[in-house]
Amino acid sequence: MRSLVLLSLVGLGAQLVDGSLGMAYGVTSTTLLLAIGTNPAAASATVHLAEIGTTLVSGAAHWRFGNVDWKVVAKIGIPGAIGAFAGATFLSSLSTEAAAPLMSLILLALGAYILVRFTAAGIPQGNLGKPLRKRFLAPLGLVAGFVDSTGGGGWGPVGTPAILASGRLEPRKTIGSIDTSEFLVAIAASLGFIVGIGSQGVNYTWALALLIGGMIAAPIAAWLVRHIPPRVLGSLVGGLIIITNVRTLLKSDWIDASGDVRSVVYLALAALWAAAVVYSFRQLRKEREDEKRLAEEAEAASDDAPVHP
């Protein structure tokens, strides 16, 4: 019972992060399942089963708050589903010994990307206006879907920054559209795992626990996306994902590092993580001070402007 409550809390926390950043539900949840020894394909399958429910609720909540561009959902979601099905069947064909470090490597890369991206720049605002084209969204969805199912997460870390960097869709609609289209990806990935491994090793009770936590958090996250500081949250989540997956890799047959080596690596990563979080807090405070100063200058300039009868 205790483990189910913990998994529900993990699902809640992961969905709060995902609904606010447009990424990291699958990466966070799969990282935890791998850390407690779950088969990689089964871990990804369990998370994607839970995501069918969480993405449905999250998408509905984002739609309710006006955060969804349905044209983007269709253009990226369908190719994403195709990529996710292909990735699930590919991961199912690998042995556990080969798949575990491979998945941890993918998750580590995604965690590093999240940490660096949000620590250094937060969410870019870009220049809005031009529509997103299918020739851009279709390949992006295909790659993101494949990475998502093979790595147990990756739809958001691949898709969200790419759309934000294009500058053609405002951040809240980018996050809402990515979260909504992930419903299609979750269904396709789950079908791929059913074809590949059946129900072998998939813990439906765990999936339900993750689902309950995620469904509770989804509407809250859709509201928080307008208020939470993504820069700080991205730094916190990225560092956690990095340390957890480095631990898995250091203990794998690929490296098999000694206890002393692991301790040194953990301490070094913890120090870097702490520095990144502190830097994010300082940059966030600086940005807010600059915004306040500019607002005050604009107000002063308005007051000083001559009034013409």
C-alpha atoms as a PDB file:
ATOM      1  CA  MET A   1       0.000   0.000   0.000  1.00  0.00           C
ATOM      2  CA  ARG A   2       2.832   2.365   0.858  1.00  0.00           C
ATOM      3  CA  SER A   3       4.440   1.883  -2.573  1.00  0.00           C
ATOM      4  CA  LEU A   4       1.116   2.597  -4.310  1.00  0.00           C
ATOM      5  CA  VAL A   5       0.697   5.858  -2.374  1.00  0.00           C
ATOM      6  CA  LEU A   6       4.285   6.783  -3.319  1.00  0.00           C
ATOM      7  CA  LEU A   7       3.613   6.044  -6.986  1.00  0.00           C
ATOM      8  CA  SER A   8       0.454   8.159  -6.863  1.00  0.00           C
ATOM      9  CA  LEU A   9       2.481  11.042  -5.443  1.00  0.00           C
ATOM     10  CA  VAL A  10       5.097  10.528  -8.166  1.00  0.00           C
ATOM     11  CA  GLY A  11       2.330  10.612 -10.783  1.00  0.00           C
ATOM     12  CA  LEU A  12       0.957  13.786  -9.226  1.00  0.00           C
ATOM     13  CA  GLY A  13       4.349  15.490  -9.140  1.00  0.00           C
ATOM     14  CA  ALA A  14       5.287  14.324 -12.640  1.00  0.00           C
ATOM     15  CA  GLN A  15       2.025  15.641 -14.089  1.00  0.00           C
ATOM     16  CA  LEU A  16       2.438  18.985 -12.336  1.00  0.00           C
ATOM     17  CA  VAL A  17       5.847  19.263 -13.989  1.00  0.00           C
ATOM     18  CA  ASP A  18       4.601  18.040 -17.371  1.00  0.00           C
ATOM     19  CA  GLY A  19       1.557  20.276 -17.428  1.00  0.00           C
ATOM     20  CA  SER A  20       3.689  23.292 -16.512  1.00  0.00           C
ATOM     21  CA  LEU A  21       6.738  22.664 -18.718  1.00  0.00           C
ATOM     22  CA  GLY A  22       5.105  20.649 -21.494  1.00  0.00           C
ATOM     23  CA  MET A  23       7.511  17.792 -20.737  1.00  0.00           C
ATOM     24  CA  ALA A  24       8.920  15.295 -18.230  1.00  0.00           C
ATOM     25  CA  TYR A  25       5.950  13.151 -17.064  1.00  0.00           C
ATOM     26  CA  GLY A  26       7.239  10.040 -18.824  1.00  0.00           C
ATOM     27  CA  VAL A  27      10.909  10.811 -18.156  1.00  0.00           C
ATOM     28  CA  THR A  28      10.287  11.318 -14.434  1.00  0.00           C
ATOM     29  CA  SER A  29       7.985   8.312 -13.957  1.00  0.00           C
ATOM     30  CA  THR A  30      10.079   5.903 -16.041  1.00  0.00           C
ATOM     31  CA  THR A  31      13.239   6.970 -14.221  1.00  0.00           C
ATOM     32  CA  LEU A  32      11.624   5.963 -10.921  1.00  0.00           C
ATOM     33  CA  LEU A  33      10.419   2.599 -12.251  1.00  0.00           C
ATOM     34  CA  LEU A  34      13.867   1.802 -13.639  1.00  0.00           C
ATOM     35  CA  ALA A  35      15.453   2.783 -10.322  1.00  0.00           C
ATOM     36  CA  ILE A  36      13.420   0.119  -8.504  1.00  0.00           C
ATOM     37  CA  GLY A  37      14.370  -2.571 -11.022  1.00  0.00           C
ATOM     38  CA  THR A  38      11.458  -2.678 -13.464  1.00  0.00           C
ATOM     39  CA  ASN A  39      12.022  -4.216 -16.904  1.00  0.00           C
ATOM     40  CA  PRO A  40      12.636  -1.295 -19.352  1.00  0.00           C
ATOM     41  CA  ALA A  41       9.910  -2.277 -21.820  1.00  0.00           C
ATOM     42  CA  ALA A  42       7.497  -2.958 -18.966  1.00  0.00           C
ATOM     43  CA  ALA A  43       8.383   0.376 -17.325  1.00  0.00           C
ATOM     44  CA  SER A  44       7.679   2.306 -20.531  1.00  0.00           C
ATOM     45  CA  ALA A  45       4.496   0.304 -21.129  1.00  0.00           C
ATOM     46  CA  THR A  46       3.259   0.975 -17.577  1.00  0.00           C
ATOM     47  CA  VAL A  47       3.919   4.703 -17.883  1.00  0.00           C
ATOM     48  CA  HIS A  48       2.245   4.961 -21.294  1.00  0.00           C
ATOM     49  CA  LEU A  49      -0.827   3.125 -20.050  1.00  0.00           C
ATOM     50  CA  ALA A  50      -1.094   5.669 -17.241  1.00  0.00           C
ATOM     51  CA  GLU A  51      -0.527   8.487 -19.737  1.00  0.00           C
ATOM     52  CA  ILE A  52      -3.649   7.536 -21.709  1.00  0.00           C
ATOM     53  CA  GLY A  53      -5.692   8.810 -18.779  1.00  0.00           C
ATOM     54  CA  THR A  54      -3.446  11.671 -17.674  1.00  0.00           C
ATOM     55  CA  THR A  55      -3.079  13.124 -21.183  1.00  0.00           C
ATOM     56  CA  LEU A  56      -6.842  12.908 -21.742  1.00  0.00           C
ATOM     57  CA  VAL A  57      -7.558  14.858 -18.556  1.00  0.00           C
ATOM     58  CA  SER A  58      -4.634  17.224 -19.169  1.00  0.00           C
ATOM     59  CA  GLY A  59      -5.766  17.910 -22.735  1.00  0.00           C
ATOM     60  CA  ALA A  60      -9.324  18.628 -21.584  1.00  0.00           C
ATOM     61  CA  ALA A  61      -8.028  20.998 -18.902  1.00  0.00           C
ATOM     62  CA  HIS A  62      -5.739  22.834 -21.343  1.00  0.00           C
ATOM     63  CA  TRP A  63      -8.638  23.101 -23.814  1.00  0.00           C
ATOM     64  CA  ARG A  64     -10.797  24.539 -21.020  1.00  0.00           C
ATOM     65  CA  PHE A  65      -8.171  27.232 -20.334  1.00  0.00           C
ATOM     66  CA  GLY A  66      -7.721  28.017 -24.043  1.00  0.00           C
ATOM     67  CA  ASN A  67      -4.216  26.526 -24.281  1.00  0.00           C
ATOM     68  CA  VAL A  68      -4.730  24.239 -27.323  1.00  0.00           C
ATOM     69  CA  ASP A  69      -4.164  24.789 -31.060  1.00  0.00           C
ATOM     70  CA  TRP A  70      -6.037  21.864 -32.634  1.00  0.00           C
ATOM     71  CA  LYS A  71      -4.311  22.220 -36.026  1.00  0.00           C
ATOM     72  CA  VAL A  72      -0.949  21.683 -34.319  1.00  0.00           C
ATOM     73  CA  VAL A  73      -2.366  18.729 -32.370  1.00  0.00           C
ATOM     74  CA  ALA A  74      -3.421  16.988 -35.595  1.00  0.00           C
ATOM     75  CA  LYS A  75      -0.255  17.772 -37.565  1.00  0.00           C
ATOM     76  CA  ILE A  76       2.146  16.526 -34.867  1.00  0.00           C
ATOM     77  CA  GLY A  77      -0.003  13.959 -33.033  1.00  0.00           C
ATOM     78  CA  ILE A  78      -0.648  11.519 -35.890  1.00  0.00           C
ATOM     79  CA  PRO A  79       3.027  11.225 -36.983  1.00  0.00           C
ATOM     80  CA  GLY A  80       3.902  11.044 -33.284  1.00  0.00           C
ATOM     81  CA  ALA A  81       1.608   8.058 -32.848  1.00  0.00           C
ATOM     82  CA  ILE A  82       3.284   6.276 -35.770  1.00  0.00           C
ATOM     83  CA  GLY A  83       6.743   6.914 -34.303  1.00  0.00           C
ATOM     84  CA  ALA A  84       5.613   5.804 -30.837  1.00  0.00           C
ATOM     85  CA  PHE A  85       4.237   2.487 -32.132  1.00  0.00           C
ATOM     86  CA  ALA A  86       7.490   1.820 -34.018  1.00  0.00           C
ATOM     87  CA  GLY A  87       9.590   2.699 -30.964  1.00  0.00           C
ATOM     88  CA  ALA A  88       7.544   0.465 -28.650  1.00  0.00           C
ATOM     89  CA  THR A  89       7.912  -2.577 -30.887  1.00  0.00           C
ATOM     90  CA  PHE A  90      11.652  -1.866 -31.234  1.00  0.00           C
ATOM     91  CA  LEU A  91      12.196  -1.630 -27.458  1.00  0.00           C
ATOM     92  CA  SER A  92      10.152  -4.796 -26.912  1.00  0.00           C
ATOM     93  CA  SER A  93      12.558  -6.727 -29.149  1.00  0.00           C
ATOM     94  CA  LEU A  94      15.629  -5.886 -27.018  1.00  0.00           C
ATOM     95  CA  SER A  95      16.829  -7.961 -24.086  1.00  0.00           C
ATOM     96  CA  THR A  96      16.540  -6.457 -20.599  1.00  0.00           C
ATOM     97  CA  GLU A  97      20.356  -6.333 -20.275  1.00  0.00           C
ATOM     98  CA  ALA A  98      20.654  -4.279 -23.442  1.00  0.00           C
ATOM     99  CA  ALA A  99      17.550  -2.161 -22.956  1.00  0.00           C
ATOM    100  CA  ALA A 100      18.109  -0.949 -19.378  1.00  0.00           C
ATOM    101  CA  PRO A 101      21.344   1.018 -19.936  1.00  0.00           C
ATOM    102  CA  LEU A 102      20.132   2.167 -23.372  1.00  0.00           C
ATOM    103  CA  MET A 103      16.963   3.627 -21.861  1.00  0.00           C
ATOM    104  CA  SER A 104      18.931   5.229 -19.012  1.00  0.00           C
ATOM    105  CA  LEU A 105      21.260   6.809 -21.580  1.00  0.00           C
ATOM    106  CA  ILE A 106      18.298   8.304 -23.461  1.00  0.00           C
ATOM    107  CA  LEU A 107      16.745   9.533 -20.210  1.00  0.00           C
ATOM    108  CA  LEU A 108      20.096  10.987 -19.110  1.00  0.00           C
ATOM    109  CA  ALA A 109      20.394  12.925 -22.371  1.00  0.00           C
ATOM    110  CA  LEU A 110      16.842  14.232 -21.990  1.00  0.00           C
ATOM    111  CA  GLY A 111      17.489  15.205 -18.372  1.00  0.00           C
ATOM    112  CA  ALA A 112      20.666  17.063 -19.349  1.00  0.00           C
ATOM    113  CA  TYR A 113      18.778  18.866 -22.098  1.00  0.00           C
ATOM    114  CA  ILE A 114      16.012  19.941 -19.700  1.00  0.00           C
ATOM    115  CA  LEU A 115      18.556  21.131 -17.108  1.00  0.00           C
ATOM    116  CA  VAL A 116      20.677  23.128 -19.557  1.00  0.00           C
ATOM    117  CA  ARG A 117      17.750  24.487 -21.553  1.00  0.00           C
ATOM    118  CA  PHE A 118      15.801  25.871 -18.626  1.00  0.00           C
ATOM    119  CA  THR A 119      18.766  26.917 -16.493  1.00  0.00           C
ATOM    120  CA  ALA A 120      20.292  28.898 -19.342  1.00  0.00           C
ATOM    121  CA  ALA A 121      17.256  30.330 -21.069  1.00  0.00           C
ATOM    122  CA  GLY A 122      13.925  29.328 -19.552  1.00  0.00           C
ATOM    123  CA  ILE A 123      11.107  29.277 -22.103  1.00  0.00           C
ATOM    124  CA  PRO A 124      11.879  31.388 -25.196  1.00  0.00           C
ATOM    125  CA  GLN A 125       9.084  33.755 -26.212  1.00  0.00           C
ATOM    126  CA  GLY A 126       9.883  34.067 -29.915  1.00  0.00           C
ATOM    127  CA  ASN A 127       8.031  36.096 -32.532  1.00  0.00           C
ATOM    128  CA  LEU A 128       4.427  35.008 -33.008  1.00  0.00           C
ATOM    129  CA  GLY A 129       2.556  35.107 -36.267  1.00  0.00           C
ATOM    130  CA  LYS A 130       3.313  32.563 -38.991  1.00  0.00           C
ATOM    131  CA  PRO A 131       1.497  29.199 -38.854  1.00  0.00           C
ATOM    132  CA  LEU A 132       3.415  25.992 -38.113  1.00  0.00           C
ATOM    133  CA  ARG A 133       3.694  23.882 -41.252  1.00  0.00           C
ATOM    134  CA  LYS A 134       3.100  20.163 -41.606  1.00  0.00           C
ATOM    135  CA  ARG A 135       6.535  19.637 -43.172  1.00  0.00           C
ATOM    136  CA  PHE A 136       8.030  20.842 -39.887  1.00  0.00           C
ATOM    137  CA  LEU A 137       5.588  19.199 -37.451  1.00  0.00           C
ATOM    138  CA  ALA A 138       5.313  15.763 -39.119  1.00  0.00           C
ATOM    139  CA  PRO A 139       9.035  14.801 -38.945  1.00  0.00           C
ATOM    140  CA  LEU A 140       9.235  16.345 -35.469  1.00  0.00           C
ATOM    141  CA  GLY A 141       6.304  14.223 -34.293  1.00  0.00           C
ATOM    142  CA  LEU A 142       7.747  11.062 -35.829  1.00  0.00           C
ATOM    143  CA  VAL A 143      11.111  11.487 -34.071  1.00  0.00           C
ATOM    144  CA  ALA A 144       9.585  12.627 -30.777  1.00  0.00           C
ATOM    145  CA  GLY A 145       7.159   9.693 -30.736  1.00  0.00           C
ATOM    146  CA  PHE A 146       9.940   7.157 -31.376  1.00  0.00           C
ATOM    147  CA  VAL A 147      12.157   8.648 -28.646  1.00  0.00           C
ATOM    148  CA  ASP A 148       9.197   8.794 -26.265  1.00  0.00           C
ATOM    149  CA  SER A 149       8.418   5.084 -26.374  1.00  0.00           C
ATOM    150  CA  THR A 150      12.019   3.815 -26.501  1.00  0.00           C
ATOM    151  CA  GLY A 151      13.121   6.098 -23.678  1.00  0.00           C
ATOM    152  CA  GLY A 152       9.973   5.909 -21.587  1.00  0.00           C
ATOM    153  CA  GLY A 153       9.578   9.645 -22.167  1.00  0.00           C
ATOM    154  CA  GLY A 154      10.677  12.300 -24.623  1.00  0.00           C
ATOM    155  CA  TRP A 155       7.572  13.591 -26.377  1.00  0.00           C
ATOM    156  CA  GLY A 156       7.723  16.863 -24.456  1.00  0.00           C
ATOM    157  CA  PRO A 157      11.526  17.311 -24.264  1.00  0.00           C
ATOM    158  CA  VAL A 158      11.802  16.861 -28.046  1.00  0.00           C
ATOM    159  CA  GLY A 159       8.584  18.520 -29.214  1.00  0.00           C
ATOM    160  CA  THR A 160       8.086  21.455 -26.853  1.00  0.00           C
ATOM    161  CA  PRO A 161      11.488  23.206 -27.274  1.00  0.00           C
ATOM    162  CA  ALA A 162      11.403  22.764 -31.062  1.00  0.00           C
ATOM    163  CA  ILE A 163       8.012  24.465 -31.377  1.00  0.00           C
ATOM    164  CA  LEU A 164       8.942  27.176 -28.882  1.00  0.00           C
ATOM    165  CA  ALA A 165      12.192  27.856 -30.758  1.00  0.00           C
ATOM    166  CA  SER A 166      10.227  28.388 -33.972  1.00  0.00           C
ATOM    167  CA  GLY A 167       8.624  31.417 -32.326  1.00  0.00           C
ATOM    168  CA  ARG A 168       5.311  30.808 -34.107  1.00  0.00           C
ATOM    169  CA  LEU A 169       3.159  29.655 -31.177  1.00  0.00           C
ATOM    170  CA  GLU A 170       2.899  31.253 -27.753  1.00  0.00           C
ATOM    171  CA  PRO A 171       4.314  29.179 -24.853  1.00  0.00           C
ATOM    172  CA  ARG A 172       1.033  28.297 -23.137  1.00  0.00           C
ATOM    173  CA  LYS A 173      -0.473  27.019 -26.420  1.00  0.00           C
ATOM    174  CA  THR A 174       2.706  25.118 -27.225  1.00  0.00           C
ATOM    175  CA  ILE A 175       2.556  23.325 -23.864  1.00  0.00           C
ATOM    176  CA  GLY A 176      -1.184  22.722 -24.109  1.00  0.00           C
ATOM    177  CA  SER A 177      -0.976  21.380 -27.687  1.00  0.00           C
ATOM    178  CA  ILE A 178       1.954  19.077 -26.878  1.00  0.00           C
ATOM    179  CA  ASP A 179       0.179  17.716 -23.794  1.00  0.00           C
ATOM    180  CA  THR A 180      -3.046  17.160 -25.750  1.00  0.00           C
ATOM    181  CA  SER A 181      -1.403  15.446 -28.730  1.00  0.00           C
ATOM    182  CA  GLU A 182       0.426  13.128 -26.327  1.00  0.00           C
ATOM    183  CA  PHE A 183      -2.891  11.301 -25.848  1.00  0.00           C
ATOM    184  CA  LEU A 184      -2.481   9.850 -29.363  1.00  0.00           C
ATOM    185  CA  VAL A 185       1.152   8.980 -28.659  1.00  0.00           C
ATOM    186  CA  ALA A 186       0.258   7.186 -25.415  1.00  0.00           C
ATOM    187  CA  ILE A 187      -2.395   5.060 -27.116  1.00  0.00           C
ATOM    188  CA  ALA A 188      -0.068   4.110 -29.992  1.00  0.00           C
ATOM    189  CA  ALA A 189       2.832   3.279 -27.675  1.00  0.00           C
ATOM    190  CA  SER A 190       0.586   1.128 -25.472  1.00  0.00           C
ATOM    191  CA  LEU A 191      -0.650  -0.785 -28.518  1.00  0.00           C
ATOM    192  CA  GLY A 192       2.959  -1.277 -29.638  1.00  0.00           C
ATOM    193  CA  PHE A 193       3.941  -2.745 -26.266  1.00  0.00           C
ATOM    194  CA  ILE A 194       0.890  -5.028 -26.285  1.00  0.00           C
ATOM    195  CA  VAL A 195       2.015  -6.341 -29.672  1.00  0.00           C
ATOM    196  CA  GLY A 196       5.636  -6.623 -28.509  1.00  0.00           C
ATOM    197  CA  ILE A 197       5.458  -7.992 -24.959  1.00  0.00           C
ATOM    198  CA  GLY A 198       1.776  -8.566 -24.249  1.00  0.00           C
ATOM    199  CA  SER A 199       1.024  -8.105 -20.561  1.00  0.00           C
ATOM    200  CA  GLN A 200       4.332  -9.648 -19.447  1.00  0.00           C
ATOM    201  CA  GLY A 201       5.836  -7.646 -16.593  1.00  0.00           C
ATOM    202  CA  VAL A 202       3.384  -4.752 -16.934  1.00  0.00           C
ATOM    203  CA  ASN A 203       2.073  -3.779 -13.509  1.00  0.00           C
ATOM    204  CA  TYR A 204      -1.456  -2.495 -14.031  1.00  0.00           C
ATOM    205  CA  THR A 205      -1.796  -1.573 -10.356  1.00  0.00           C
ATOM    206  CA  TRP A 206       1.243   0.706 -10.665  1.00  0.00           C
ATOM    207  CA  ALA A 207      -0.180   2.195 -13.861  1.00  0.00           C
ATOM    208  CA  LEU A 208      -3.435   2.912 -12.021  1.00  0.00           C
ATOM    209  CA  ALA A 209      -1.564   4.557  -9.135  1.00  0.00           C
ATOM    210  CA  LEU A 210       0.383   6.791 -11.544  1.00  0.00           C
ATOM    211  CA  LEU A 211      -2.865   7.541 -13.373  1.00  0.00           C
ATOM    212  CA  ILE A 212      -4.714   8.622 -10.230  1.00  0.00           C
ATOM    213  CA  GLY A 213      -1.941  10.981  -9.166  1.00  0.00           C
ATOM    214  CA  GLY A 214      -1.622  12.404 -12.678  1.00  0.00           C
ATOM    215  CA  MET A 215      -5.368  12.941 -13.102  1.00  0.00           C
ATOM    216  CA  ILE A 216      -5.523  14.868  -9.830  1.00  0.00           C
ATOM    217  CA  ALA A 217      -2.627  17.095 -10.912  1.00  0.00           C
ATOM    218  CA  ALA A 218      -3.655  17.674 -14.569  1.00  0.00           C
ATOM    219  CA  PRO A 219      -6.194  20.498 -14.091  1.00  0.00           C
ATOM    220  CA  ILE A 220      -3.948  22.147 -11.489  1.00  0.00           C
ATOM    221  CA  ALA A 221      -1.006  22.077 -13.911  1.00  0.00           C
ATOM    222  CA  ALA A 222      -3.103  23.574 -16.718  1.00  0.00           C
ATOM    223  CA  TRP A 223      -3.761  26.548 -14.428  1.00  0.00           C
ATOM    224  CA  LEU A 224      -0.186  26.723 -13.092  1.00  0.00           C
ATOM    225  CA  VAL A 225       1.275  26.992 -16.607  1.00  0.00           C
ATOM    226  CA  ARG A 226       0.315  30.693 -16.462  1.00  0.00           C
ATOM    227  CA  HIS A 227       2.018  31.275 -13.099  1.00  0.00           C
ATOM    228  CA  ILE A 228       4.862  28.847 -12.306  1.00  0.00           C
ATOM    229  CA  PRO A 229       8.467  29.872 -13.120  1.00  0.00           C
ATOM    230  CA  PRO A 230       9.559  27.276 -15.743  1.00  0.00           C
ATOM    231  CA  ARG A 231      13.241  28.182 -15.432  1.00  0.00           C
ATOM    232  CA  VAL A 232      13.520  27.028 -11.806  1.00  0.00           C
ATOM    233  CA  LEU A 233      11.253  24.009 -12.218  1.00  0.00           C
ATOM    234  CA  GLY A 234      13.227  22.828 -15.259  1.00  0.00           C
ATOM    235  CA  SER A 235      16.495  23.054 -13.334  1.00  0.00           C
ATOM    236  CA  LEU A 236      15.104  21.064 -10.400  1.00  0.00           C
ATOM    237  CA  VAL A 237      13.589  18.301 -12.534  1.00  0.00           C
ATOM    238  CA  GLY A 238      16.512  18.063 -14.967  1.00  0.00           C
ATOM    239  CA  GLY A 239      19.038  17.566 -12.164  1.00  0.00           C
ATOM    240  CA  LEU A 240      16.931  14.866 -10.512  1.00  0.00           C
ATOM    241  CA  ILE A 241      16.620  12.928 -13.770  1.00  0.00           C
ATOM    242  CA  ILE A 242      20.369  13.188 -14.450  1.00  0.00           C
ATOM    243  CA  ILE A 243      21.482  11.901 -11.039  1.00  0.00           C
ATOM    244  CA  THR A 244      18.990   9.007 -11.023  1.00  0.00           C
ATOM    245  CA  ASN A 245      19.951   7.758 -14.486  1.00  0.00           C
ATOM    246  CA  VAL A 246      23.694   8.228 -13.932  1.00  0.00           C
ATOM    247  CA  ARG A 247      23.226   5.944 -10.914  1.00  0.00           C
ATOM    248  CA  THR A 248      21.629   3.295 -13.142  1.00  0.00           C
ATOM    249  CA  LEU A 249      24.401   3.568 -15.746  1.00  0.00           C
ATOM    250  CA  LEU A 250      27.230   3.387 -13.187  1.00  0.00           C
ATOM    251  CA  LYS A 251      25.757   0.161 -11.799  1.00  0.00           C
ATOM    252  CA  SER A 252      25.136  -1.377 -15.228  1.00  0.00           C
ATOM    253  CA  ASP A 253      27.339  -3.948 -16.967  1.00  0.00           C
ATOM    254  CA  TRP A 254      28.413  -1.215 -19.370  1.00  0.00           C
ATOM    255  CA  ILE A 255      30.399   0.595 -16.636  1.00  0.00           C
ATOM    256  CA  ASP A 256      30.129  -1.328 -13.317  1.00  0.00           C
ATOM    257  CA  ALA A 257      31.858   1.470 -11.362  1.00  0.00           C
ATOM    258  CA  SER A 258      33.107   0.929  -7.826  1.00  0.00           C
ATOM    259  CA  GLY A 259      31.362   2.430  -4.816  1.00  0.00           C
ATOM    260  CA  ASP A 260      34.057   5.094  -4.364  1.00  0.00           C
ATOM    261  CA  VAL A 261      33.808   6.191  -7.994  1.00  0.00           C
ATOM    262  CA  ARG A 262      30.023   6.380  -7.770  1.00  0.00           C
ATOM    263  CA  SER A 263      30.228   8.506  -4.609  1.00  0.00           C
ATOM    264  CA  VAL A 264      32.589  11.010  -6.251  1.00  0.00           C
ATOM    265  CA  VAL A 265      30.372  11.250  -9.330  1.00  0.00           C
ATOM    266  CA  TYR A 266      27.219  11.747  -7.229  1.00  0.00           C
ATOM    267  CA  LEU A 267      28.852  14.524  -5.186  1.00  0.00           C
ATOM    268  CA  ALA A 268      30.090  16.294  -8.315  1.00  0.00           C
ATOM    269  CA  LEU A 269      26.660  16.086  -9.972  1.00  0.00           C
ATOM    270  CA  ALA A 270      24.927  17.269  -6.804  1.00  0.00           C
ATOM    271  CA  ALA A 271      27.210  20.309  -6.665  1.00  0.00           C
ATOM    272  CA  LEU A 272      26.537  21.144 -10.317  1.00  0.00           C
ATOM    273  CA  TRP A 273      22.815  20.661  -9.785  1.00  0.00           C
ATOM    274  CA  ALA A 274      22.783  22.983  -6.779  1.00  0.00           C
ATOM    275  CA  ALA A 275      24.723  25.609  -8.733  1.00  0.00           C
ATOM    276  CA  ALA A 276      22.232  25.376 -11.615  1.00  0.00           C
ATOM    277  CA  VAL A 277      19.241  25.835  -9.297  1.00  0.00           C
ATOM    278  CA  VAL A 278      20.849  28.826  -7.550  1.00  0.00           C
ATOM    279  CA  TYR A 279      21.667  30.381 -10.938  1.00  0.00           C
ATOM    280  CA  SER A 280      18.072  29.861 -12.088  1.00  0.00           C
ATOM    281  CA  PHE A 281      16.709  31.567  -8.979  1.00  0.00           C
ATOM    282  CA  ARG A 282      19.064  34.530  -9.456  1.00  0.00           C
ATOM    283  CA  GLN A 283      18.219  34.898 -13.147  1.00  0.00           C
ATOM    284  CA  LEU A 284      14.518  34.686 -12.397  1.00  0.00           C
ATOM    285  CA  ARG A 285      14.832  37.420  -9.765  1.00  0.00           C
ATOM    286  CA  LYS A 286      16.895  39.555 -12.171  1.00  0.00           C
ATOM    287  CA  GLU A 287      14.304  39.128 -14.935  1.00  0.00           C
ATOM    288  CA  ARG A 288      11.507  40.186 -12.585  1.00  0.00           C
ATOM    289  CA  GLU A 289      13.481  43.201 -11.379  1.00  0.00           C
ATOM    290  CA  ASP A 290      14.179  44.221 -14.995  1.00  0.00           C
ATOM    291  CA  GLU A 291      10.500  43.849 -15.891  1.00  0.00           C
ATOM    292  CA  LYS A 292       9.505  45.966 -12.894  1.00  0.00           C
ATOM    293  CA  ARG A 293      12.083  48.635 -13.780  1.00  0.00           C
ATOM    294  CA  LEU A 294      10.943  48.801 -17.411  1.00  0.00           C
ATOM    295  CA  ALA A 295       7.322  49.045 -16.311  1.00  0.00           C
ATOM    296  CA  GLU A 296       8.177  51.904 -13.927  1.00  0.00           C
ATOM    297  CA  GLU A 297      10.161  53.711 -16.658  1.00  0.00           C
ATOM    298  CA  ALA A 298       7.288  53.328 -19.104  1.00  0.00           C
ATOM    299  CA  GLU A 299       4.832  54.668 -16.523  1.00  0.00           C
ATOM    300  CA  ALA A 300       7.127  57.614 -15.730  1.00  0.00           C
ATOM    301  CA  ALA A 301       7.529  58.413 -19.430  1.00  0.00           C
ATOM    302  CA  SER A 302       3.759  58.328 -19.823  1.00  0.00           C
ATOM    303  CA  ASP A 303       3.271  60.720 -16.903  1.00  0.00           C
ATOM    304  CA  ASP A 304       5.898  63.133 -18.287  1.00  0.00           C
ATOM    305  CA  ALA A 305       4.431  63.199 -21.780  1.00  0.00           C
ATOM    306  CA  PRO A 306       2.831  66.567 -22.648  1.00  0.00           C
ATOM    307  CA  VAL A 307      -0.938  66.600 -22.717  1.00  0.00           C
ATOM    308  CA  HIS A 308      -2.427  68.297 -25.803  1.00  0.00           C
ATOM    309  CA  PRO A 309      -5.890  69.753 -25.503  1.00  0.00           C
END
